[in-house]
């Protein structure tokens, strides 16, 4: 375990288990938001956005840094807010 500024920077098994449901929930919410008819997307563009989202979360699932996991969740919340307003991120 590496330390930076007195705190651990690598996620423990408990951290990963605690964050997993939150990350999965954000992923599902973003996919649901991408299905919204309010978004100006054709079928192919909608599938491309879903694939992009899936790739980001697949790479994020392998992340072990607490800071990067927190950043992924912050970006996901921001993206979801934009999608819920009917705009594309």
PDB file of N, CA and C in Angstrom:
ATOM      1  N   UNK A   1       0.818  -1.178   0.000  1.00  0.00           N
ATOM      2  CA  UNK A   1       0.000   0.000   0.000  1.00  0.00           C
ATOM      3  C   UNK A   1       0.869   1.253   0.000  1.00  0.00           C
ATOM      4  N   UNK A   2       0.633   2.173  -0.888  1.00  0.00           N
ATOM      5  CA  UNK A   2       1.384   3.421  -0.939  1.00  0.00           C
ATOM      6  C   UNK A   2       0.606   4.501  -0.204  1.00  0.00           C
ATOM      7  N   UNK A   3       1.340   5.414   0.400  1.00  0.00           N
ATOM      8  CA  UNK A   3       0.697   6.517   1.124  1.00  0.00           C
ATOM      9  C   UNK A   3       1.082   7.842   0.480  1.00  0.00           C
ATOM     10  N   UNK A   4       0.135   8.748   0.486  1.00  0.00           N
ATOM     11  CA  UNK A   4       0.392  10.092  -0.023  1.00  0.00           C
ATOM     12  C   UNK A   4      -0.310  11.076   0.898  1.00  0.00           C
ATOM     13  N   UNK A   5       0.450  11.911   1.527  1.00  0.00           N
ATOM     14  CA  UNK A   5      -0.143  12.910   2.407  1.00  0.00           C
ATOM     15  C   UNK A   5      -0.835  12.305   3.616  1.00  0.00           C
ATOM     16  N   UNK A   6      -0.368  11.146   4.072  1.00  0.00           N
ATOM     17  CA  UNK A   6      -0.939  10.541   5.258  1.00  0.00           C
ATOM     18  C   UNK A   6      -2.111   9.616   4.993  1.00  0.00           C
ATOM     19  N   UNK A   7      -2.625   9.579   3.776  1.00  0.00           N
ATOM     20  CA  UNK A   7      -3.763   8.722   3.471  1.00  0.00           C
ATOM     21  C   UNK A   7      -3.407   7.672   2.434  1.00  0.00           C
ATOM     22  N   UNK A   8      -4.153   6.616   2.422  1.00  0.00           N
ATOM     23  CA  UNK A   8      -3.924   5.574   1.428  1.00  0.00           C
ATOM     24  C   UNK A   8      -4.432   6.036   0.069  1.00  0.00           C
ATOM     25  N   UNK A   9      -3.694   5.737  -0.972  1.00  0.00           N
ATOM     26  CA  UNK A   9      -4.142   6.129  -2.302  1.00  0.00           C
ATOM     27  C   UNK A   9      -4.658   4.940  -3.100  1.00  0.00           C
ATOM     28  N   UNK A  10      -4.392   3.711  -2.659  1.00  0.00           N
ATOM     29  CA  UNK A  10      -4.862   2.533  -3.375  1.00  0.00           C
ATOM     30  C   UNK A  10      -6.077   1.973  -2.666  1.00  0.00           C
ATOM     31  N   UNK A  11      -7.023   1.521  -3.435  1.00  0.00           N
ATOM     32  CA  UNK A  11      -8.267   1.007  -2.886  1.00  0.00           C
ATOM     33  C   UNK A  11      -8.056  -0.377  -2.269  1.00  0.00           C
ATOM     34  N   UNK A  12      -8.670  -0.591  -1.132  1.00  0.00           N
ATOM     35  CA  UNK A  12      -8.654  -1.908  -0.514  1.00  0.00           C
ATOM     36  C   UNK A  12      -9.846  -2.700  -1.052  1.00  0.00           C
ATOM     37  N   UNK A  13      -9.920  -3.963  -0.698  1.00  0.00           N
ATOM     38  CA  UNK A  13     -11.047  -4.789  -1.137  1.00  0.00           C
ATOM     39  C   UNK A  13     -12.364  -4.216  -0.617  1.00  0.00           C
ATOM     40  N   UNK A  14     -12.339  -3.670   0.609  1.00  0.00           N
ATOM     41  CA  UNK A  14     -13.561  -3.077   1.163  1.00  0.00           C
ATOM     42  C   UNK A  14     -13.985  -1.832   0.386  1.00  0.00           C
ATOM     43  N   UNK A  15     -12.992  -1.026  -0.025  1.00  0.00           N
ATOM     44  CA  UNK A  15     -13.298   0.171  -0.823  1.00  0.00           C
ATOM     45  C   UNK A  15     -13.940  -0.226  -2.141  1.00  0.00           C
ATOM     46  N   UNK A  16     -13.371  -1.233  -2.784  1.00  0.00           N
ATOM     47  CA  UNK A  16     -13.905  -1.675  -4.074  1.00  0.00           C
ATOM     48  C   UNK A  16     -15.308  -2.240  -3.920  1.00  0.00           C
ATOM     49  N   UNK A  17     -15.520  -3.013  -2.860  1.00  0.00           N
ATOM     50  CA  UNK A  17     -16.852  -3.583  -2.629  1.00  0.00           C
ATOM     51  C   UNK A  17     -17.865  -2.487  -2.331  1.00  0.00           C
ATOM     52  N   UNK A  18     -17.456  -1.445  -1.631  1.00  0.00           N
ATOM     53  CA  UNK A  18     -18.361  -0.342  -1.290  1.00  0.00           C
ATOM     54  C   UNK A  18     -18.691   0.504  -2.523  1.00  0.00           C
ATOM     55  N   UNK A  19     -17.725   0.687  -3.416  1.00  0.00           N
ATOM     56  CA  UNK A  19     -17.943   1.535  -4.588  1.00  0.00           C
ATOM     57  C   UNK A  19     -18.631   0.806  -5.740  1.00  0.00           C
ATOM     58  N   UNK A  20     -18.557  -0.510  -5.780  1.00  0.00           N
ATOM     59  CA  UNK A  20     -19.100  -1.270  -6.913  1.00  0.00           C
ATOM     60  C   UNK A  20     -20.581  -0.981  -7.169  1.00  0.00           C
ATOM     61  N   UNK A  21     -21.469  -1.040  -6.155  1.00  0.00           N
ATOM     62  CA  UNK A  21     -22.886  -0.761  -6.443  1.00  0.00           C
ATOM     63  C   UNK A  21     -23.122   0.666  -6.932  1.00  0.00           C
ATOM     64  N   UNK A  22     -22.350   1.607  -6.434  1.00  0.00           N
ATOM     65  CA  UNK A  22     -22.496   3.004  -6.847  1.00  0.00           C
ATOM     66  C   UNK A  22     -22.091   3.156  -8.318  1.00  0.00           C
ATOM     67  N   UNK A  23     -20.985   2.549  -8.678  1.00  0.00           N
ATOM     68  CA  UNK A  23     -20.500   2.641 -10.063  1.00  0.00           C
ATOM     69  C   UNK A  23     -21.478   1.956 -11.010  1.00  0.00           C
ATOM     70  N   UNK A  24     -21.972   0.775 -10.652  1.00  0.00           N
ATOM     71  CA  UNK A  24     -22.941   0.077 -11.505  1.00  0.00           C
ATOM     72  C   UNK A  24     -24.229   0.877 -11.662  1.00  0.00           C
ATOM     73  N   UNK A  25     -24.674   1.504 -10.579  1.00  0.00           N
ATOM     74  CA  UNK A  25     -25.881   2.314 -10.632  1.00  0.00           C
ATOM     75  C   UNK A  25     -25.697   3.506 -11.578  1.00  0.00           C
ATOM     76  N   UNK A  26     -24.546   4.176 -11.483  1.00  0.00           N
ATOM     77  CA  UNK A  26     -24.286   5.315 -12.368  1.00  0.00           C
ATOM     78  C   UNK A  26     -24.239   4.864 -13.827  1.00  0.00           C
ATOM     79  N   UNK A  27     -23.614   3.725 -14.076  1.00  0.00           N
ATOM     80  CA  UNK A  27     -23.523   3.178 -15.437  1.00  0.00           C
ATOM     81  C   UNK A  27     -24.920   2.924 -15.991  1.00  0.00           C
ATOM     82  N   UNK A  28     -25.778   2.284 -15.202  1.00  0.00           N
ATOM     83  CA  UNK A  28     -27.138   1.990 -15.666  1.00  0.00           C
ATOM     84  C   UNK A  28     -27.946   3.263 -15.889  1.00  0.00           C
ATOM     85  N   UNK A  29     -27.788   4.243 -15.005  1.00  0.00           N
ATOM     86  CA  UNK A  29     -28.512   5.501 -15.168  1.00  0.00           C
ATOM     87  C   UNK A  29     -28.093   6.225 -16.440  1.00  0.00           C
ATOM     88  N   UNK A  30     -26.798   6.206 -16.740  1.00  0.00           N
ATOM     89  CA  UNK A  30     -26.326   6.860 -17.971  1.00  0.00           C
ATOM     90  C   UNK A  30     -26.859   6.134 -19.194  1.00  0.00           C
ATOM     91  N   UNK A  31     -26.852   4.795 -19.178  1.00  0.00           N
ATOM     92  CA  UNK A  31     -27.399   4.058 -20.323  1.00  0.00           C
ATOM     93  C   UNK A  31     -28.886   4.349 -20.502  1.00  0.00           C
ATOM     94  N   UNK A  32     -29.642   4.432 -19.400  1.00  0.00           N
ATOM     95  CA  UNK A  32     -31.065   4.782 -19.496  1.00  0.00           C
ATOM     96  C   UNK A  32     -31.248   6.185 -20.059  1.00  0.00           C
ATOM     97  N   UNK A  33     -30.410   7.110 -19.618  1.00  0.00           N
ATOM     98  CA  UNK A  33     -30.514   8.494 -20.100  1.00  0.00           C
ATOM     99  C   UNK A  33     -30.186   8.573 -21.595  1.00  0.00           C
ATOM    100  N   UNK A  34     -29.252   7.746 -22.057  1.00  0.00           N
ATOM    101  CA  UNK A  34     -28.917   7.741 -23.481  1.00  0.00           C
ATOM    102  C   UNK A  34     -30.067   7.215 -24.331  1.00  0.00           C
ATOM    103  N   UNK A  35     -30.987   6.454 -23.749  1.00  0.00           N
ATOM    104  CA  UNK A  35     -32.153   5.947 -24.470  1.00  0.00           C
ATOM    105  C   UNK A  35     -33.272   6.970 -24.558  1.00  0.00           C
ATOM    106  N   UNK A  36     -33.116   8.115 -23.924  1.00  0.00           N
ATOM    107  CA  UNK A  36     -34.166   9.125 -23.891  1.00  0.00           C
ATOM    108  C   UNK A  36     -34.469   9.647 -25.295  1.00  0.00           C
ATOM    109  N   UNK A  37     -35.745   9.729 -25.648  1.00  0.00           N
ATOM    110  CA  UNK A  37     -36.099  10.289 -26.952  1.00  0.00           C
ATOM    111  C   UNK A  37     -35.846  11.796 -27.038  1.00  0.00           C
ATOM    112  N   UNK A  38     -35.587  12.441 -25.896  1.00  0.00           N
ATOM    113  CA  UNK A  38     -35.321  13.883 -25.894  1.00  0.00           C
ATOM    114  C   UNK A  38     -33.945  14.205 -26.474  1.00  0.00           C
ATOM    115  N   UNK A  39     -33.051  13.224 -26.513  1.00  0.00           N
ATOM    116  CA  UNK A  39     -31.714  13.464 -27.067  1.00  0.00           C
ATOM    117  C   UNK A  39     -31.755  13.436 -28.586  1.00  0.00           C
ATOM    118  N   UNK A  40     -31.063  14.382 -29.215  1.00  0.00           N
ATOM    119  CA  UNK A  40     -31.062  14.444 -30.681  1.00  0.00           C
ATOM    120  C   UNK A  40     -30.062  13.451 -31.274  1.00  0.00           C
ATOM    121  N   UNK A  41     -30.359  12.159 -31.131  1.00  0.00           N
ATOM    122  CA  UNK A  41     -29.454  11.127 -31.629  1.00  0.00           C
ATOM    123  C   UNK A  41     -30.201  10.153 -32.529  1.00  0.00           C
ATOM    124  N   UNK A  42     -29.551   9.758 -33.611  1.00  0.00           N
ATOM    125  CA  UNK A  42     -30.064   8.680 -34.424  1.00  0.00           C
ATOM    126  C   UNK A  42     -29.688   7.353 -33.788  1.00  0.00           C
ATOM    127  N   UNK A  43     -30.147   6.276 -34.381  1.00  0.00           N
ATOM    128  CA  UNK A  43     -29.898   4.954 -33.809  1.00  0.00           C
ATOM    129  C   UNK A  43     -28.405   4.632 -33.749  1.00  0.00           C
ATOM    130  N   UNK A  44     -27.691   4.880 -34.831  1.00  0.00           N
ATOM    131  CA  UNK A  44     -26.252   4.570 -34.859  1.00  0.00           C
ATOM    132  C   UNK A  44     -25.473   5.436 -33.861  1.00  0.00           C
ATOM    133  N   UNK A  45     -25.822   6.703 -33.773  1.00  0.00           N
ATOM    134  CA  UNK A  45     -25.143   7.596 -32.835  1.00  0.00           C
ATOM    135  C   UNK A  45     -25.431   7.187 -31.392  1.00  0.00           C
ATOM    136  N   UNK A  46     -26.656   6.745 -31.129  1.00  0.00           N
ATOM    137  CA  UNK A  46     -27.029   6.297 -29.789  1.00  0.00           C
ATOM    138  C   UNK A  46     -26.220   5.058 -29.398  1.00  0.00           C
ATOM    139  N   UNK A  47     -26.080   4.117 -30.329  1.00  0.00           N
ATOM    140  CA  UNK A  47     -25.273   2.919 -30.072  1.00  0.00           C
ATOM    141  C   UNK A  47     -23.804   3.273 -29.863  1.00  0.00           C
ATOM    142  N   UNK A  48     -23.306   4.236 -30.618  1.00  0.00           N
ATOM    143  CA  UNK A  48     -21.908   4.657 -30.460  1.00  0.00           C
ATOM    144  C   UNK A  48     -21.681   5.288 -29.087  1.00  0.00           C
ATOM    145  N   UNK A  49     -22.623   6.106 -28.631  1.00  0.00           N
ATOM    146  CA  UNK A  49     -22.500   6.722 -27.299  1.00  0.00           C
ATOM    147  C   UNK A  49     -22.546   5.656 -26.198  1.00  0.00           C
ATOM    148  N   UNK A  50     -23.410   4.655 -26.378  1.00  0.00           N
ATOM    149  CA  UNK A  50     -23.476   3.570 -25.393  1.00  0.00           C
ATOM    150  C   UNK A  50     -22.168   2.781 -25.362  1.00  0.00           C
ATOM    151  N   UNK A  51     -21.588   2.532 -26.518  1.00  0.00           N
ATOM    152  CA  UNK A  51     -20.310   1.815 -26.578  1.00  0.00           C
ATOM    153  C   UNK A  51     -19.202   2.629 -25.922  1.00  0.00           C
ATOM    154  N   UNK A  52     -19.217   3.935 -26.130  1.00  0.00           N
ATOM    155  CA  UNK A  52     -18.226   4.816 -25.500  1.00  0.00           C
ATOM    156  C   UNK A  52     -18.368   4.774 -23.980  1.00  0.00           C
ATOM    157  N   UNK A  53     -19.593   4.829 -23.495  1.00  0.00           N
ATOM    158  CA  UNK A  53     -19.865   4.763 -22.058  1.00  0.00           C
ATOM    159  C   UNK A  53     -19.395   3.423 -21.494  1.00  0.00           C
ATOM    160  N   UNK A  54     -19.704   2.350 -22.194  1.00  0.00           N
ATOM    161  CA  UNK A  54     -19.302   1.012 -21.750  1.00  0.00           C
ATOM    162  C   UNK A  54     -17.784   0.905 -21.652  1.00  0.00           C
ATOM    163  N   UNK A  55     -17.072   1.431 -22.640  1.00  0.00           N
ATOM    164  CA  UNK A  55     -15.602   1.373 -22.632  1.00  0.00           C
ATOM    165  C   UNK A  55     -15.026   2.153 -21.446  1.00  0.00           C
ATOM    166  N   UNK A  56     -15.581   3.317 -21.164  1.00  0.00           N
ATOM    167  CA  UNK A  56     -15.103   4.124 -20.032  1.00  0.00           C
ATOM    168  C   UNK A  56     -15.295   3.369 -18.725  1.00  0.00           C
ATOM    169  N   UNK A  57     -16.456   2.750 -18.553  1.00  0.00           N
ATOM    170  CA  UNK A  57     -16.721   2.050 -17.303  1.00  0.00           C
ATOM    171  C   UNK A  57     -15.953   0.735 -17.207  1.00  0.00           C
ATOM    172  N   UNK A  58     -15.671   0.089 -18.341  1.00  0.00           N
ATOM    173  CA  UNK A  58     -14.864  -1.137 -18.296  1.00  0.00           C
ATOM    174  C   UNK A  58     -13.447  -0.802 -17.843  1.00  0.00           C
ATOM    175  N   UNK A  59     -12.868   0.243 -18.410  1.00  0.00           N
ATOM    176  CA  UNK A  59     -11.532   0.654 -17.975  1.00  0.00           C
ATOM    177  C   UNK A  59     -11.569   1.164 -16.533  1.00  0.00           C
ATOM    178  N   UNK A  60     -12.622   1.843 -16.164  1.00  0.00           N
ATOM    179  CA  UNK A  60     -12.761   2.339 -14.796  1.00  0.00           C
ATOM    180  C   UNK A  60     -12.938   1.220 -13.785  1.00  0.00           C
ATOM    181  N   UNK A  61     -13.510   0.095 -14.218  1.00  0.00           N
ATOM    182  CA  UNK A  61     -13.714  -1.030 -13.307  1.00  0.00           C
ATOM    183  C   UNK A  61     -12.394  -1.644 -12.868  1.00  0.00           C
ATOM    184  N   UNK A  62     -11.355  -1.468 -13.657  1.00  0.00           N
ATOM    185  CA  UNK A  62     -10.045  -2.019 -13.315  1.00  0.00           C
ATOM    186  C   UNK A  62      -9.198  -1.035 -12.511  1.00  0.00           C
ATOM    187  N   UNK A  63      -9.735   0.137 -12.259  1.00  0.00           N
ATOM    188  CA  UNK A  63      -8.997   1.177 -11.545  1.00  0.00           C
ATOM    189  C   UNK A  63      -8.871   0.831 -10.066  1.00  0.00           C
ATOM    190  N   UNK A  64      -7.687   1.068  -9.507  1.00  0.00           N
ATOM    191  CA  UNK A  64      -7.433   0.762  -8.101  1.00  0.00           C
ATOM    192  C   UNK A  64      -7.078   2.001  -7.274  1.00  0.00           C
ATOM    193  N   UNK A  65      -7.043   3.158  -7.891  1.00  0.00           N
ATOM    194  CA  UNK A  65      -6.723   4.399  -7.182  1.00  0.00           C
ATOM    195  C   UNK A  65      -8.013   5.040  -6.671  1.00  0.00           C
ATOM    196  N   UNK A  66      -8.043   5.352  -5.377  1.00  0.00           N
ATOM    197  CA  UNK A  66      -9.232   5.973  -4.800  1.00  0.00           C
ATOM    198  C   UNK A  66      -9.568   7.293  -5.470  1.00  0.00           C
ATOM    199  N   UNK A  67      -8.543   8.058  -5.802  1.00  0.00           N
ATOM    200  CA  UNK A  67      -8.762   9.363  -6.445  1.00  0.00           C
ATOM    201  C   UNK A  67      -9.376   9.189  -7.830  1.00  0.00           C
ATOM    202  N   UNK A  68      -8.895   8.215  -8.574  1.00  0.00           N
ATOM    203  CA  UNK A  68      -9.427   7.999  -9.916  1.00  0.00           C
ATOM    204  C   UNK A  68     -10.846   7.449  -9.875  1.00  0.00           C
ATOM    205  N   UNK A  69     -11.150   6.605  -8.896  1.00  0.00           N
ATOM    206  CA  UNK A  69     -12.521   6.105  -8.745  1.00  0.00           C
ATOM    207  C   UNK A  69     -13.456   7.270  -8.417  1.00  0.00           C
ATOM    208  N   UNK A  70     -13.019   8.144  -7.515  1.00  0.00           N
ATOM    209  CA  UNK A  70     -13.817   9.320  -7.154  1.00  0.00           C
ATOM    210  C   UNK A  70     -14.012  10.223  -8.369  1.00  0.00           C
ATOM    211  N   UNK A  71     -12.971  10.412  -9.169  1.00  0.00           N
ATOM    212  CA  UNK A  71     -13.081  11.235 -10.377  1.00  0.00           C
ATOM    213  C   UNK A  71     -14.043  10.621 -11.387  1.00  0.00           C
ATOM    214  N   UNK A  72     -14.002   9.295 -11.524  1.00  0.00           N
ATOM    215  CA  UNK A  72     -14.920   8.609 -12.434  1.00  0.00           C
ATOM    216  C   UNK A  72     -16.365   8.849 -12.003  1.00  0.00           C
ATOM    217  N   UNK A  73     -16.632   8.738 -10.717  1.00  0.00           N
ATOM    218  CA  UNK A  73     -17.993   8.963 -10.222  1.00  0.00           C
ATOM    219  C   UNK A  73     -18.424  10.417 -10.389  1.00  0.00           C
ATOM    220  N   UNK A  74     -17.518  11.353 -10.149  1.00  0.00           N
ATOM    221  CA  UNK A  74     -17.840  12.773 -10.350  1.00  0.00           C
ATOM    222  C   UNK A  74     -18.165  13.055 -11.815  1.00  0.00           C
ATOM    223  N   UNK A  75     -17.366  12.515 -12.719  1.00  0.00           N
ATOM    224  CA  UNK A  75     -17.611  12.710 -14.150  1.00  0.00           C
ATOM    225  C   UNK A  75     -18.929  12.059 -14.569  1.00  0.00           C
ATOM    226  N   UNK A  76     -19.227  10.897 -14.004  1.00  0.00           N
ATOM    227  CA  UNK A  76     -20.475  10.209 -14.335  1.00  0.00           C
ATOM    228  C   UNK A  76     -21.673  11.021 -13.857  1.00  0.00           C
ATOM    229  N   UNK A  77     -21.594  11.583 -12.652  1.00  0.00           N
ATOM    230  CA  UNK A  77     -22.697  12.417 -12.137  1.00  0.00           C
ATOM    231  C   UNK A  77     -22.893  13.662 -13.003  1.00  0.00           C
ATOM    232  N   UNK A  78     -21.796  14.272 -13.411  1.00  0.00           N
ATOM    233  CA  UNK A  78     -21.872  15.463 -14.268  1.00  0.00           C
ATOM    234  C   UNK A  78     -22.499  15.100 -15.617  1.00  0.00           C
ATOM    235  N   UNK A  79     -22.050  14.006 -16.202  1.00  0.00           N
ATOM    236  CA  UNK A  79     -22.590  13.555 -17.486  1.00  0.00           C
ATOM    237  C   UNK A  79     -24.071  13.256 -17.374  1.00  0.00           C
ATOM    238  N   UNK A  80     -24.474  12.597 -16.295  1.00  0.00           N
ATOM    239  CA  UNK A  80     -25.883  12.269 -16.101  1.00  0.00           C
ATOM    240  C   UNK A  80     -26.725  13.541 -15.996  1.00  0.00           C
ATOM    241  N   UNK A  81     -26.208  14.549 -15.310  1.00  0.00           N
ATOM    242  CA  UNK A  81     -26.938  15.816 -15.209  1.00  0.00           C
ATOM    243  C   UNK A  81     -27.132  16.465 -16.575  1.00  0.00           C
ATOM    244  N   UNK A  82     -26.101  16.429 -17.405  1.00  0.00           N
ATOM    245  CA  UNK A  82     -26.210  16.991 -18.746  1.00  0.00           C
ATOM    246  C   UNK A  82     -27.208  16.214 -19.582  1.00  0.00           C
ATOM    247  N   UNK A  83     -27.146  14.871 -19.514  1.00  0.00           N
ATOM    248  CA  UNK A  83     -28.064  14.041 -20.281  1.00  0.00           C
ATOM    249  C   UNK A  83     -29.513  14.252 -19.836  1.00  0.00           C
ATOM    250  N   UNK A  84     -29.730  14.410 -18.551  1.00  0.00           N
ATOM    251  CA  UNK A  84     -31.086  14.616 -18.040  1.00  0.00           C
ATOM    252  C   UNK A  84     -31.665  15.961 -18.479  1.00  0.00           C
ATOM    253  N   UNK A  85     -30.815  16.905 -18.846  1.00  0.00           N
ATOM    254  CA  UNK A  85     -31.295  18.184 -19.382  1.00  0.00           C
ATOM    255  C   UNK A  85     -31.536  18.113 -20.891  1.00  0.00           C
ATOM    256  N   UNK A  86     -31.315  16.932 -21.491  1.00  0.00           N
ATOM    257  CA  UNK A  86     -31.566  16.760 -22.914  1.00  0.00           C
ATOM    258  C   UNK A  86     -30.429  17.215 -23.805  1.00  0.00           C
ATOM    259  N   UNK A  87     -29.233  17.354 -23.218  1.00  0.00           N
ATOM    260  CA  UNK A  87     -28.068  17.769 -23.996  1.00  0.00           C
ATOM    261  C   UNK A  87     -27.052  16.637 -24.041  1.00  0.00           C
ATOM    262  N   UNK A  88     -26.148  16.722 -24.991  1.00  0.00           N
ATOM    263  CA  UNK A  88     -25.096  15.714 -25.115  1.00  0.00           C
ATOM    264  C   UNK A  88     -23.805  16.204 -24.481  1.00  0.00           C
ATOM    265  N   UNK A  89     -23.125  15.341 -23.734  1.00  0.00           N
ATOM    266  CA  UNK A  89     -21.849  15.752 -23.126  1.00  0.00           C
ATOM    267  C   UNK A  89     -20.740  15.783 -24.159  1.00  0.00           C
TER     268      UNK A  89
END
